[in-house]
C-alpha atoms as a PDB file:
ATOM      1  CA  MET A   1     -92.012   3.458  58.128  1.00  0.00           C
ATOM      2  CA  THR A   2     -93.887   0.252  57.232  1.00  0.00           C
ATOM      3  CA  PRO A   3     -95.751  -1.180  59.725  1.00  0.00           C
ATOM      4  CA  GLU A   4     -97.152  -4.922  60.130  1.00  0.00           C
ATOM      5  CA  LEU A   5    -100.755  -4.759  60.684  1.00  0.00           C
ATOM      6  CA  SER A   6    -103.045  -7.512  61.898  1.00  0.00           C
ATOM      7  CA  ASN A   7    -106.172  -8.305  59.845  1.00  0.00           C
ATOM      8  CA  GLU A   8    -108.721  -6.918  62.349  1.00  0.00           C
ATOM      9  CA  THR A   9    -106.067  -3.419  62.208  1.00  0.00           C
ATOM     10  CA  GLY A  10    -106.469  -3.559  58.544  1.00  0.00           C
ATOM     11  CA  LYS A  11    -110.224  -3.937  58.351  1.00  0.00           C
ATOM     12  CA  TRP A  12    -110.482  -0.893  61.056  1.00  0.00           C
ATOM     13  CA  LEU A  13    -108.394   1.423  58.826  1.00  0.00           C
ATOM     14  CA  GLU A  14    -110.765   0.623  55.667  1.00  0.00           C
ATOM     15  CA  ARG A  15    -113.622   1.462  57.716  1.00  0.00           C
ATOM     16  CA  PHE A  16    -111.649   4.593  58.997  1.00  0.00           C
ATOM     17  CA  LYS A  17    -110.625   5.664  55.471  1.00  0.00           C
ATOM     18  CA  LYS A  18    -114.357   5.688  53.819  1.00  0.00           C
ATOM     19  CA  LYS A  19    -115.120   8.399  56.425  1.00  0.00           C
ATOM     20  CA  ASN A  20    -112.071  10.143  56.887  1.00  0.00           C
ATOM     21  CA  SER A  21    -109.117  11.390  54.331  1.00  0.00           C
ATOM     22  CA  PHE A  22    -105.526  12.406  54.444  1.00  0.00           C
ATOM     23  CA  ALA A  23    -106.369  15.860  52.971  1.00  0.00           C
ATOM     24  CA  GLU A  24    -108.518  16.298  56.127  1.00  0.00           C
ATOM     25  CA  ILE A  25    -105.539  15.178  58.479  1.00  0.00           C
ATOM     26  CA  LEU A  26    -103.756  17.825  56.460  1.00  0.00           C
ATOM     27  CA  ALA A  27    -106.156  20.809  56.842  1.00  0.00           C
ATOM     28  CA  SER A  28    -106.376  20.156  60.596  1.00  0.00           C
ATOM     29  CA  LEU A  29    -102.756  19.983  61.206  1.00  0.00           C
ATOM     30  CA  LYS A  30    -102.630  23.489  59.240  1.00  0.00           C
ATOM     31  CA  LYS A  31    -105.339  24.936  61.622  1.00  0.00           C
ATOM     32  CA  ALA A  32    -103.217  23.484  64.514  1.00  0.00           C
ATOM     33  CA  LYS A  33    -100.179  25.680  63.520  1.00  0.00           C
ATOM     34  CA  ASP A  34    -101.912  28.918  64.674  1.00  0.00           C
ATOM     35  CA  LEU A  35    -103.231  27.682  68.245  1.00  0.00           C
ATOM     36  CA  LYS A  36    -102.138  29.400  70.721  1.00  0.00           C
ATOM     37  CA  ILE A  37    -101.244  26.764  73.206  1.00  0.00           C
ATOM     38  CA  LEU A  38    -100.052  26.953  76.871  1.00  0.00           C
ATOM     39  CA  LEU A  39     -98.301  23.775  78.621  1.00  0.00           C
ATOM     40  CA  ILE A  40     -98.154  23.603  82.071  1.00  0.00           C
ATOM     41  CA  GLY A  41     -96.414  20.864  83.764  1.00  0.00           C
ATOM     42  CA  ASP A  42     -93.411  19.068  85.641  1.00  0.00           C
ATOM     43  CA  THR A  43     -89.935  18.750  84.361  1.00  0.00           C
ATOM     44  CA  ILE A  44     -87.744  15.532  84.004  1.00  0.00           C
ATOM     45  CA  ILE A  45     -84.884  14.625  82.834  1.00  0.00           C
ATOM     46  CA  ASP A  46     -84.485  11.015  81.994  1.00  0.00           C
ATOM     47  CA  GLU A  47     -81.334   9.451  82.204  1.00  0.00           C
ATOM     48  CA  TYR A  48     -80.354   5.916  80.838  1.00  0.00           C
ATOM     49  CA  MET A  49     -76.859   4.655  81.959  1.00  0.00           C
ATOM     50  CA  TYR A  50     -76.008   1.944  79.732  1.00  0.00           C
ATOM     51  CA  CYS A  51     -74.543  -1.122  81.192  1.00  0.00           C
ATOM     52  CA  ASP A  52     -73.777  -4.465  79.824  1.00  0.00           C
ATOM     53  CA  LEU A  53     -74.682  -7.840  82.320  1.00  0.00           C
ATOM     54  CA  ILE A  54     -72.070  -9.513  84.448  1.00  0.00           C
ATOM     55  CA  GLY A  55     -74.407 -11.817  86.683  1.00  0.00           C
ATOM     56  CA  ARG A  56     -74.934 -12.434  89.927  1.00  0.00           C
ATOM     57  CA  SER A  57     -72.597 -11.378  92.698  1.00  0.00           C
ATOM     58  CA  LEU A  58     -71.036 -14.621  94.535  1.00  0.00           C
ATOM     59  CA  LYS A  59     -71.064 -12.791  97.795  1.00  0.00           C
ATOM     60  CA  GLU A  60     -74.302 -10.789  98.017  1.00  0.00           C
ATOM     61  CA  ALA A  61     -77.871 -11.145  96.247  1.00  0.00           C
ATOM     62  CA  ILE A  62     -77.654  -8.608  93.671  1.00  0.00           C
ATOM     63  CA  LEU A  63     -77.197  -8.086  90.198  1.00  0.00           C
ATOM     64  CA  ARG A  64     -73.834  -6.985  88.927  1.00  0.00           C
ATOM     65  CA  VAL A  65     -73.738  -5.118  85.689  1.00  0.00           C
ATOM     66  CA  LYS A  66     -70.730  -3.186  83.991  1.00  0.00           C
ATOM     67  CA  TYR A  67     -71.374   0.619  83.461  1.00  0.00           C
ATOM     68  CA  LEU A  68     -70.775   1.624  79.934  1.00  0.00           C
ATOM     69  CA  SER A  69     -72.054   5.012  79.079  1.00  0.00           C
ATOM     70  CA  THR A  70     -74.788   7.384  80.032  1.00  0.00           C
ATOM     71  CA  GLU A  71     -77.310   9.446  77.708  1.00  0.00           C
ATOM     72  CA  ARG A  72     -79.872  11.954  79.208  1.00  0.00           C
ATOM     73  CA  PHE A  73     -83.158  13.335  77.741  1.00  0.00           C
ATOM     74  CA  ALA A  74     -85.586  16.053  78.116  1.00  0.00           C
ATOM     75  CA  GLY A  75     -88.796  14.431  79.641  1.00  0.00           C
ATOM     76  CA  GLY A  76     -91.702  15.457  81.176  1.00  0.00           C
ATOM     77  CA  VAL A  77     -93.513  18.254  80.036  1.00  0.00           C
ATOM     78  CA  ILE A  78     -90.083  19.548  78.013  1.00  0.00           C
ATOM     79  CA  ALA A  79     -90.718  16.438  75.860  1.00  0.00           C
ATOM     80  CA  VAL A  80     -94.490  17.086  75.427  1.00  0.00           C
ATOM     81  CA  ALA A  81     -93.639  20.864  74.330  1.00  0.00           C
ATOM     82  CA  ASN A  82     -91.094  19.606  71.619  1.00  0.00           C
ATOM     83  CA  HIS A  83     -93.829  17.418  70.363  1.00  0.00           C
ATOM     84  CA  LEU A  84     -96.133  20.212  70.359  1.00  0.00           C
ATOM     85  CA  SER A  85     -93.920  22.474  68.468  1.00  0.00           C
ATOM     86  CA  SER A  86     -93.707  20.266  65.670  1.00  0.00           C
ATOM     87  CA  PHE A  87     -96.686  21.336  64.371  1.00  0.00           C
ATOM     88  CA  CYS A  88     -97.524  24.457  66.458  1.00  0.00           C
ATOM     89  CA  ASP A  89     -95.997  27.896  66.097  1.00  0.00           C
ATOM     90  CA  ASN A  90     -97.137  29.064  69.696  1.00  0.00           C
ATOM     91  CA  VAL A  91     -96.197  26.653  72.540  1.00  0.00           C
ATOM     92  CA  THR A  92     -95.675  28.690  75.922  1.00  0.00           C
ATOM     93  CA  MET A  93     -94.650  25.905  78.459  1.00  0.00           C
ATOM     94  CA  LEU A  94     -94.664  26.933  82.089  1.00  0.00           C
ATOM     95  CA  THR A  95     -92.665  24.543  84.785  1.00  0.00           C
ATOM     96  CA  VAL A  96     -90.358  24.341  87.416  1.00  0.00           C
ATOM     97  CA  LEU A  97     -86.855  23.822  87.809  1.00  0.00           C
ATOM     98  CA  GLY A  98     -84.668  22.887  90.710  1.00  0.00           C
ATOM     99  CA  ALA A  99     -81.827  24.022  91.974  1.00  0.00           C
ATOM    100  CA  GLY A 100     -78.373  23.805  90.485  1.00  0.00           C
ATOM    101  CA  PRO A 101     -77.295  24.783  86.884  1.00  0.00           C
ATOM    102  CA  GLU A 102     -76.094  22.240  85.148  1.00  0.00           C
ATOM    103  CA  ASN A 103     -79.884  20.551  84.390  1.00  0.00           C
ATOM    104  CA  GLU A 104     -81.279  24.002  83.684  1.00  0.00           C
ATOM    105  CA  THR A 105     -78.656  24.059  81.116  1.00  0.00           C
ATOM    106  CA  PHE A 106     -79.390  20.757  79.749  1.00  0.00           C
ATOM    107  CA  ILE A 107     -83.041  21.442  79.645  1.00  0.00           C
ATOM    108  CA  LYS A 108     -82.740  24.609  77.884  1.00  0.00           C
ATOM    109  CA  SER A 109     -80.350  22.979  75.230  1.00  0.00           C
ATOM    110  CA  GLN A 110     -82.895  20.535  74.549  1.00  0.00           C
ATOM    111  CA  LEU A 111     -86.144  22.705  74.126  1.00  0.00           C
ATOM    112  CA  LEU A 112     -86.875  23.604  70.376  1.00  0.00           C
ATOM    113  CA  SER A 113     -86.857  27.105  69.293  1.00  0.00           C
ATOM    114  CA  LYS A 114     -90.711  27.470  68.849  1.00  0.00           C
ATOM    115  CA  VAL A 115     -91.189  26.768  72.545  1.00  0.00           C
ATOM    116  CA  LYS A 116     -91.590  29.983  74.828  1.00  0.00           C
ATOM    117  CA  PRO A 117     -90.594  28.762  78.142  1.00  0.00           C
ATOM    118  CA  VAL A 118     -91.922  30.345  81.321  1.00  0.00           C
ATOM    119  CA  PHE A 119     -89.349  28.960  84.074  1.00  0.00           C
ATOM    120  CA  PHE A 120     -89.817  28.979  87.632  1.00  0.00           C
ATOM    121  CA  LYS A 121     -87.041  27.963  90.274  1.00  0.00           C
ATOM    122  CA  ARG A 122     -87.462  26.325  93.890  1.00  0.00           C
ATOM    123  CA  GLU A 123     -84.416  26.222  95.546  1.00  0.00           C
ATOM    124  CA  ASP A 124     -85.341  23.381  97.975  1.00  0.00           C
ATOM    125  CA  ALA A 125     -85.327  20.615  95.461  1.00  0.00           C
ATOM    126  CA  VAL A 126     -83.308  19.832  92.371  1.00  0.00           C
ATOM    127  CA  THR A 127     -84.933  19.230  89.033  1.00  0.00           C
ATOM    128  CA  VAL A 128     -86.514  15.688  88.803  1.00  0.00           C
ATOM    129  CA  VAL A 129     -83.978  12.883  87.449  1.00  0.00           C
ATOM    130  CA  ASN A 130     -85.379   9.846  86.672  1.00  0.00           C
ATOM    131  CA  LYS A 131     -82.118   7.235  86.265  1.00  0.00           C
ATOM    132  CA  ARG A 132     -82.677   3.796  84.558  1.00  0.00           C
ATOM    133  CA  ILE A 133     -79.893   1.184  84.492  1.00  0.00           C
ATOM    134  CA  VAL A 134     -80.688  -0.131  81.089  1.00  0.00           C
ATOM    135  CA  ARG A 135     -78.807  -3.553  79.432  1.00  0.00           C
ATOM    136  CA  LYS A 136     -77.515  -1.727  76.097  1.00  0.00           C
ATOM    137  CA  ALA A 137     -77.702  -4.567  73.699  1.00  0.00           C
ATOM    138  CA  PHE A 138     -81.487  -4.837  74.338  1.00  0.00           C
ATOM    139  CA  LEU A 139     -83.009  -1.863  76.058  1.00  0.00           C
ATOM    140  CA  GLU A 140     -83.781  -3.846  79.111  1.00  0.00           C
ATOM    141  CA  LYS A 141     -84.731  -1.990  82.273  1.00  0.00           C
ATOM    142  CA  PHE A 142     -83.049  -3.520  85.434  1.00  0.00           C
ATOM    143  CA  PHE A 143     -84.154  -0.811  87.844  1.00  0.00           C
ATOM    144  CA  GLY A 144     -84.666   3.025  88.603  1.00  0.00           C
ATOM    145  CA  ILE A 145     -83.240   5.638  90.611  1.00  0.00           C
ATOM    146  CA  TYR A 146     -85.269   8.969  91.555  1.00  0.00           C
ATOM    147  CA  GLU A 147     -83.443  12.280  92.449  1.00  0.00           C
ATOM    148  CA  ILE A 148     -86.346  13.911  93.431  1.00  0.00           C
ATOM    149  CA  ASN A 149     -88.230  16.043  96.142  1.00  0.00           C
ATOM    150  CA  ASP A 150     -91.761  15.608  95.236  1.00  0.00           C
ATOM    151  CA  LYS A 151     -93.449  17.753  97.992  1.00  0.00           C
ATOM    152  CA  PRO A 152     -95.495  20.723  96.605  1.00  0.00           C
ATOM    153  CA  ILE A 153     -93.592  23.637  95.693  1.00  0.00           C
ATOM    154  CA  PRO A 154     -93.057  26.440  98.171  1.00  0.00           C
ATOM    155  CA  GLU A 155     -95.858  28.683  99.039  1.00  0.00           C
ATOM    156  CA  ASN A 156     -94.372  31.965  97.615  1.00  0.00           C
ATOM    157  CA  ILE A 157     -93.678  30.093  94.336  1.00  0.00           C
ATOM    158  CA  GLU A 158     -96.868  29.019  94.021  1.00  0.00           C
ATOM    159  CA  VAL A 159     -98.503  32.676  94.321  1.00  0.00           C
ATOM    160  CA  ILE A 160     -95.866  34.084  91.963  1.00  0.00           C
ATOM    161  CA  ILE A 161     -97.259  30.888  89.340  1.00  0.00           C
ATOM    162  CA  GLY A 162    -100.813  31.732  90.113  1.00  0.00           C
ATOM    163  CA  GLU A 163    -100.235  35.785  89.142  1.00  0.00           C
ATOM    164  CA  SER A 164     -98.361  34.421  85.943  1.00  0.00           C
ATOM    165  CA  LEU A 165    -101.526  31.961  85.283  1.00  0.00           C
ATOM    166  CA  ASP A 166    -103.957  35.107  85.673  1.00  0.00           C
ATOM    167  CA  SER A 167    -102.457  36.816  82.451  1.00  0.00           C
ATOM    168  CA  LEU A 168    -101.464  33.542  80.511  1.00  0.00           C
ATOM    169  CA  LEU A 169    -104.866  31.348  80.891  1.00  0.00           C
ATOM    170  CA  PRO A 170    -107.160  33.846  79.211  1.00  0.00           C
ATOM    171  CA  ALA A 171    -104.521  34.511  76.593  1.00  0.00           C
ATOM    172  CA  HIS A 172    -104.231  30.874  75.192  1.00  0.00           C
ATOM    173  CA  ASP A 173    -106.911  28.869  73.175  1.00  0.00           C
ATOM    174  CA  LEU A 174    -105.809  25.475  74.528  1.00  0.00           C
ATOM    175  CA  VAL A 175    -104.379  24.608  77.979  1.00  0.00           C
ATOM    176  CA  ILE A 176    -102.955  21.149  78.314  1.00  0.00           C
ATOM    177  CA  VAL A 177    -101.522  20.074  81.546  1.00  0.00           C
ATOM    178  CA  MET A 178     -99.309  17.173  82.416  1.00  0.00           C
ATOM    179  CA  ASP A 179     -99.426  16.385  85.605  1.00  0.00           C
ATOM    180  CA  TYR A 180     -96.818  13.770  86.925  1.00  0.00           C
ATOM    181  CA  GLY A 181     -97.233  14.360  90.587  1.00  0.00           C
ATOM    182  CA  PHE A 182     -94.199  15.907  91.255  1.00  0.00           C
ATOM    183  CA  GLY A 183     -95.282  18.978  93.280  1.00  0.00           C
ATOM    184  CA  LEU A 184     -96.116  22.093  90.893  1.00  0.00           C
ATOM    185  CA  MET A 185    -100.139  21.166  90.469  1.00  0.00           C
ATOM    186  CA  THR A 186    -100.942  22.159  94.010  1.00  0.00           C
ATOM    187  CA  PRO A 187    -104.950  22.553  94.991  1.00  0.00           C
ATOM    188  CA  ALA A 188    -104.839  26.351  94.484  1.00  0.00           C
ATOM    189  CA  ILE A 189    -103.096  25.874  90.786  1.00  0.00           C
ATOM    190  CA  ILE A 190    -105.146  23.266  90.143  1.00  0.00           C
ATOM    191  CA  GLU A 191    -108.495  25.228  90.801  1.00  0.00           C
ATOM    192  CA  LYS A 192    -107.171  28.290  88.801  1.00  0.00           C
ATOM    193  CA  VAL A 193    -106.641  26.008  85.877  1.00  0.00           C
ATOM    194  CA  VAL A 194    -109.635  24.621  86.024  1.00  0.00           C
ATOM    195  CA  ASP A 195    -111.663  28.075  86.110  1.00  0.00           C
ATOM    196  CA  LYS A 196    -109.852  29.855  83.963  1.00  0.00           C
ATOM    197  CA  SER A 197    -108.996  27.850  80.718  1.00  0.00           C
ATOM    198  CA  LYS A 198    -110.977  27.988  77.948  1.00  0.00           C
ATOM    199  CA  PHE A 199    -110.055  24.569  76.743  1.00  0.00           C
ATOM    200  CA  LEU A 200    -108.604  22.388  79.152  1.00  0.00           C
ATOM    201  CA  ALA A 201    -106.725  19.449  77.912  1.00  0.00           C
ATOM    202  CA  LEU A 202    -105.330  16.740  81.085  1.00  0.00           C
ATOM    203  CA  ASN A 203    -103.063  14.089  81.359  1.00  0.00           C
ATOM    204  CA  VAL A 204    -102.532  12.928  85.151  1.00  0.00           C
ATOM    205  CA  GLN A 205    -100.219  10.112  85.474  1.00  0.00           C
ATOM    206  CA  THR A 206     -99.449   7.740  87.663  1.00  0.00           C
ATOM    207  CA  ASN A 207     -95.967   6.344  88.537  1.00  0.00           C
ATOM    208  CA  SER A 208     -93.901   5.043  91.207  1.00  0.00           C
ATOM    209  CA  VAL A 209     -93.432   8.014  93.359  1.00  0.00           C
ATOM    210  CA  ASN A 210     -96.966   8.950  93.516  1.00  0.00           C
ATOM    211  CA  LEU A 211     -99.016   5.762  93.389  1.00  0.00           C
ATOM    212  CA  GLY A 212    -102.332   5.930  94.531  1.00  0.00           C
ATOM    213  CA  PHE A 213    -101.954  10.058  95.332  1.00  0.00           C
ATOM    214  CA  ASN A 214    -102.104  11.237  92.037  1.00  0.00           C
ATOM    215  CA  LEU A 215    -105.921  10.900  90.549  1.00  0.00           C
ATOM    216  CA  VAL A 216    -107.427  12.331  87.739  1.00  0.00           C
ATOM    217  CA  THR A 217    -110.055  13.423  89.758  1.00  0.00           C
ATOM    218  CA  LYS A 218    -108.582  15.700  91.676  1.00  0.00           C
ATOM    219  CA  TYR A 219    -109.613  17.843  88.686  1.00  0.00           C
ATOM    220  CA  LYS A 220    -113.156  18.751  88.899  1.00  0.00           C
ATOM    221  CA  LYS A 221    -113.470  19.280  85.250  1.00  0.00           C
ATOM    222  CA  ALA A 222    -111.347  19.169  81.896  1.00  0.00           C
ATOM    223  CA  ASP A 223    -112.582  19.043  78.158  1.00  0.00           C
ATOM    224  CA  TYR A 224    -110.610  16.331  77.317  1.00  0.00           C
ATOM    225  CA  VAL A 225    -108.728  13.771  79.323  1.00  0.00           C
ATOM    226  CA  SER A 226    -106.345  11.215  78.429  1.00  0.00           C
ATOM    227  CA  GLU A 227    -105.629   8.559  80.916  1.00  0.00           C
ATOM    228  CA  SER A 228    -104.164   4.924  80.931  1.00  0.00           C
ATOM    229  CA  ASP A 229    -106.032   1.782  81.599  1.00  0.00           C
ATOM    230  CA  PRO A 230    -104.105   1.609  85.340  1.00  0.00           C
ATOM    231  CA  GLU A 231    -104.726   5.302  86.106  1.00  0.00           C
ATOM    232  CA  LEU A 232    -108.130   4.894  85.544  1.00  0.00           C
ATOM    233  CA  ARG A 233    -108.754   1.957  87.373  1.00  0.00           C
ATOM    234  CA  LEU A 234    -107.059   3.966  90.345  1.00  0.00           C
ATOM    235  CA  ALA A 235    -109.644   6.900  89.879  1.00  0.00           C
ATOM    236  CA  ALA A 236    -112.345   4.823  89.863  1.00  0.00           C
ATOM    237  CA  GLY A 237    -111.303   2.377  92.708  1.00  0.00           C
ATOM    238  CA  GLN A 238    -112.083  -0.746  90.746  1.00  0.00           C
ATOM    239  CA  LYS A 239    -109.085  -3.677  89.834  1.00  0.00           C
ATOM    240  CA  PHE A 240    -111.473  -5.901  87.691  1.00  0.00           C
ATOM    241  CA  THR A 241    -114.419  -3.865  86.408  1.00  0.00           C
ATOM    242  CA  PRO A 242    -114.662  -4.255  82.356  1.00  0.00           C
ATOM    243  CA  ILE A 243    -113.007  -0.680  81.483  1.00  0.00           C
ATOM    244  CA  LYS A 244    -116.187   0.448  79.499  1.00  0.00           C
ATOM    245  CA  GLU A 245    -117.879   0.488  82.651  1.00  0.00           C
ATOM    246  CA  LEU A 246    -115.591   2.508  84.604  1.00  0.00           C
ATOM    247  CA  ILE A 247    -115.045   4.965  81.639  1.00  0.00           C
ATOM    248  CA  PRO A 248    -118.287   6.603  81.991  1.00  0.00           C
ATOM    249  CA  THR A 249    -118.283   6.575  85.770  1.00  0.00           C
ATOM    250  CA  VAL A 250    -115.027   8.884  85.993  1.00  0.00           C
ATOM    251  CA  TRP A 251    -116.260  10.701  82.786  1.00  0.00           C
ATOM    252  CA  SER A 252    -119.364  12.100  84.723  1.00  0.00           C
ATOM    253  CA  LYS A 253    -117.105  13.198  87.369  1.00  0.00           C
ATOM    254  CA  MET A 254    -115.021  15.234  85.249  1.00  0.00           C
ATOM    255  CA  ASN A 255    -117.586  16.989  83.057  1.00  0.00           C
ATOM    256  CA  SER A 256    -115.677  15.914  80.090  1.00  0.00           C
ATOM    257  CA  LYS A 257    -116.364  16.613  76.234  1.00  0.00           C
ATOM    258  CA  LEU A 258    -113.853  13.300  75.119  1.00  0.00           C
ATOM    259  CA  PHE A 259    -112.485  10.962  77.902  1.00  0.00           C
ATOM    260  CA  THR A 260    -110.018   8.727  76.436  1.00  0.00           C
ATOM    261  CA  VAL A 261    -108.252   5.726  77.803  1.00  0.00           C
ATOM    262  CA  THR A 262    -105.059   4.328  76.262  1.00  0.00           C
ATOM    263  CA  LEU A 263    -104.258   0.559  76.319  1.00  0.00           C
ATOM    264  CA  GLY A 264    -101.088  -0.296  75.504  1.00  0.00           C
ATOM    265  CA  PRO A 265    -100.909  -2.938  72.616  1.00  0.00           C
ATOM    266  CA  ASP A 266    -104.628  -2.674  72.616  1.00  0.00           C
ATOM    267  CA  GLY A 267    -104.967   0.583  71.390  1.00  0.00           C
ATOM    268  CA  SER A 268    -106.971   3.623  72.825  1.00  0.00           C
ATOM    269  CA  LEU A 269    -110.556   3.696  73.742  1.00  0.00           C
ATOM    270  CA  SER A 270    -112.488   7.373  73.992  1.00  0.00           C
ATOM    271  CA  TYR A 271    -116.017   8.039  75.104  1.00  0.00           C
ATOM    272  CA  ASP A 272    -117.714  11.427  74.254  1.00  0.00           C
ATOM    273  CA  GLY A 273    -120.956  10.818  76.648  1.00  0.00           C
ATOM    274  CA  LYS A 274    -122.864   8.600  74.335  1.00  0.00           C
ATOM    275  CA  ASN A 275    -120.479   6.375  72.174  1.00  0.00           C
ATOM    276  CA  PHE A 276    -117.137   4.647  72.645  1.00  0.00           C
ATOM    277  CA  TYR A 277    -114.626   5.048  69.744  1.00  0.00           C
ATOM    278  CA  LYS A 278    -112.076   2.082  69.739  1.00  0.00           C
ATOM    279  CA  VAL A 279    -109.022   2.739  67.863  1.00  0.00           C
ATOM    280  CA  PRO A 280    -105.569  -0.232  67.488  1.00  0.00           C
ATOM    281  CA  VAL A 281    -102.459   0.305  67.471  1.00  0.00           C
ATOM    282  CA  PHE A 282    -100.655   0.997  64.424  1.00  0.00           C
ATOM    283  CA  ASN A 283     -96.737  -0.618  65.200  1.00  0.00           C
ATOM    284  CA  THR A 284     -96.555  -3.487  67.560  1.00  0.00           C
ATOM    285  CA  LYS A 285     -92.895  -3.636  67.733  1.00  0.00           C
ATOM    286  CA  ALA A 286     -91.801  -1.258  70.585  1.00  0.00           C
ATOM    287  CA  LEU A 287     -88.166  -0.446  70.641  1.00  0.00           C
ATOM    288  CA  ASP A 288     -88.667   1.496  73.889  1.00  0.00           C
ATOM    289  CA  ARG A 289     -92.181   2.663  75.211  1.00  0.00           C
ATOM    290  CA  VAL A 290     -90.799   5.340  77.329  1.00  0.00           C
ATOM    291  CA  GLY A 291     -92.800   8.546  76.223  1.00  0.00           C
ATOM    292  CA  ALA A 292     -95.365   7.060  74.020  1.00  0.00           C
ATOM    293  CA  GLY A 293     -97.915   7.971  76.218  1.00  0.00           C
ATOM    294  CA  ASP A 294     -96.676  11.696  76.126  1.00  0.00           C
ATOM    295  CA  ALA A 295     -96.750  11.502  72.295  1.00  0.00           C
ATOM    296  CA  TYR A 296    -100.014  10.359  72.051  1.00  0.00           C
ATOM    297  CA  PHE A 297    -101.547  13.004  74.057  1.00  0.00           C
ATOM    298  CA  ALA A 298     -99.487  15.869  72.972  1.00  0.00           C
ATOM    299  CA  TRP A 299    -100.909  14.964  69.097  1.00  0.00           C
ATOM    300  CA  SER A 300    -104.469  14.057  70.194  1.00  0.00           C
ATOM    301  CA  ALA A 301    -105.133  17.353  72.807  1.00  0.00           C
ATOM    302  CA  PRO A 302    -105.188  19.965  69.577  1.00  0.00           C
ATOM    303  CA  GLN A 303    -107.660  17.504  67.710  1.00  0.00           C
ATOM    304  CA  ALA A 304    -109.833  17.106  70.599  1.00  0.00           C
ATOM    305  CA  PHE A 305    -110.083  20.920  70.797  1.00  0.00           C
ATOM    306  CA  PHE A 306    -111.261  21.417  67.208  1.00  0.00           C
ATOM    307  CA  GLY A 307    -113.917  18.870  68.238  1.00  0.00           C
ATOM    308  CA  VAL A 308    -113.205  16.477  65.313  1.00  0.00           C
ATOM    309  CA  ASN A 309    -114.724  13.039  65.228  1.00  0.00           C
ATOM    310  CA  PRO A 310    -113.151  10.840  68.426  1.00  0.00           C
ATOM    311  CA  ALA A 311    -112.017   8.208  65.979  1.00  0.00           C
ATOM    312  CA  MET A 312    -109.783  10.769  64.239  1.00  0.00           C
ATOM    313  CA  VAL A 313    -108.508  12.095  67.559  1.00  0.00           C
ATOM    314  CA  GLY A 314    -107.442   8.403  68.148  1.00  0.00           C
ATOM    315  CA  PHE A 315    -105.674   8.346  65.109  1.00  0.00           C
ATOM    316  CA  PHE A 316    -103.643  11.261  65.429  1.00  0.00           C
ATOM    317  CA  GLY A 317    -102.613   9.864  69.092  1.00  0.00           C
ATOM    318  CA  ASN A 318    -101.936   6.285  67.795  1.00  0.00           C
ATOM    319  CA  VAL A 319     -99.909   7.293  64.834  1.00  0.00           C
ATOM    320  CA  ALA A 320     -97.445   9.843  67.050  1.00  0.00           C
ATOM    321  CA  GLY A 321     -97.273   6.634  69.944  1.00  0.00           C
ATOM    322  CA  GLY A 322     -96.421   4.189  67.169  1.00  0.00           C
ATOM    323  CA  ILE A 323     -93.762   6.227  65.586  1.00  0.00           C
ATOM    324  CA  ALA A 324     -92.572   7.355  69.454  1.00  0.00           C
ATOM    325  CA  ILE A 325     -92.185   3.889  70.284  1.00  0.00           C
ATOM    326  CA  ASP A 326     -89.626   3.198  67.787  1.00  0.00           C
ATOM    327  CA  ILE A 327     -87.346   6.097  69.123  1.00  0.00           C
ATOM    328  CA  VAL A 328     -85.077   5.365  72.257  1.00  0.00           C
ATOM    329  CA  CYS A 329     -86.743   7.341  75.288  1.00  0.00           C
ATOM    330  CA  ASN A 330     -86.925  11.087  74.317  1.00  0.00           C
ATOM    331  CA  ARG A 331     -84.299  11.445  72.218  1.00  0.00           C
ATOM    332  CA  LYS A 332     -86.093  13.252  69.735  1.00  0.00           C
ATOM    333  CA  PRO A 333     -89.616  14.358  69.095  1.00  0.00           C
ATOM    334  CA  VAL A 334     -92.283  13.181  66.971  1.00  0.00           C
ATOM    335  CA  THR A 335     -92.005  15.329  63.612  1.00  0.00           C
ATOM    336  CA  ILE A 336     -94.726  16.535  61.315  1.00  0.00           C
ATOM    337  CA  GLU A 337     -92.814  14.554  58.626  1.00  0.00           C
ATOM    338  CA  ALA A 338     -92.771  11.685  60.522  1.00  0.00           C
ATOM    339  CA  PHE A 339     -96.328  11.863  61.391  1.00  0.00           C
ATOM    340  CA  LEU A 340     -97.683  12.494  57.866  1.00  0.00           C
ATOM    341  CA  ASN A 341     -95.472   9.464  56.572  1.00  0.00           C
ATOM    342  CA  PHE A 342     -96.956   7.384  58.650  1.00  0.00           C
ATOM    343  CA  ALA A 343    -100.545   8.214  58.349  1.00  0.00           C
ATOM    344  CA  LYS A 344     -99.869   8.161  54.702  1.00  0.00           C
ATOM    345  CA  THR A 345     -98.769   4.954  54.599  1.00  0.00           C
ATOM    346  CA  LEU A 346    -101.743   3.812  56.991  1.00  0.00           C
ATOM    347  CA  LEU A 347    -104.414   5.175  54.704  1.00  0.00           C
ATOM    348  CA  LYS A 348    -102.948   4.219  51.311  1.00  0.00           C
END
């Protein structure tokens, strides 16, 4: 993968290389191999329904498409687990599946062998399926359909999960939460995770289902937080305030060691309570942006745990994100081979 870098990004990399080396990246990944990681979050099946565009209906104000085929991807916490297993041998994943065997069979078939799953079932819902109508020729997404019950998990399931977490949380070095706002992370589970994690890395996502109701500030503490620009603005209740003014405000509420905001094509911006650290993107030609933020978080969270300098945390995340946008949805994870090849190219 040979990226086309702007002059500004090239200058940033020259400064970065003076303080950081490829050998340090290798050493950090070697340490990550033995980490004990507990991953908690919502399972999502992404479904692309590929179509050709026909045009506007003559009788109705709707767009007509010709159906071609369907491709399914294991998304949400499953995708993150697969990313993590690329460089870590000890990944335990806790999630909730819905009723029905078909989706469960698919999910299990997509999970890589290094991931140890801890599945719970809720019979009052299906596993979340996020369907998108996609123009195949250009991967243009026309609209989406959710199969979902996003109400909180039933109380009896919540109790069982809480009991499981009592033993799982203290047994792991790093706890990673992927909160998509689809019912798993109840107040009781959040409280337990916050209070009993040795190191908590947190990503709380806003989507069309939970818009305005799934804010990162519902967690009173997290050691490492990664949010997008719109998610941070919702949490701060500020639409136009400069991002550098908002980050310290939300950071102070979270008692975080490192708070990162992903800025799409503008890279990422991290804050450690004293300084800001801006890291550019390393790939500006996106095939598909779905899953890129998850890849960023999966690859950057262990580095935040190790306490490496924030610029290195952002470098790990943006290298992974740069690879992920060249992958259709979650067709495959960012592998350690792809990561190292891209990182080496950037640091030449």
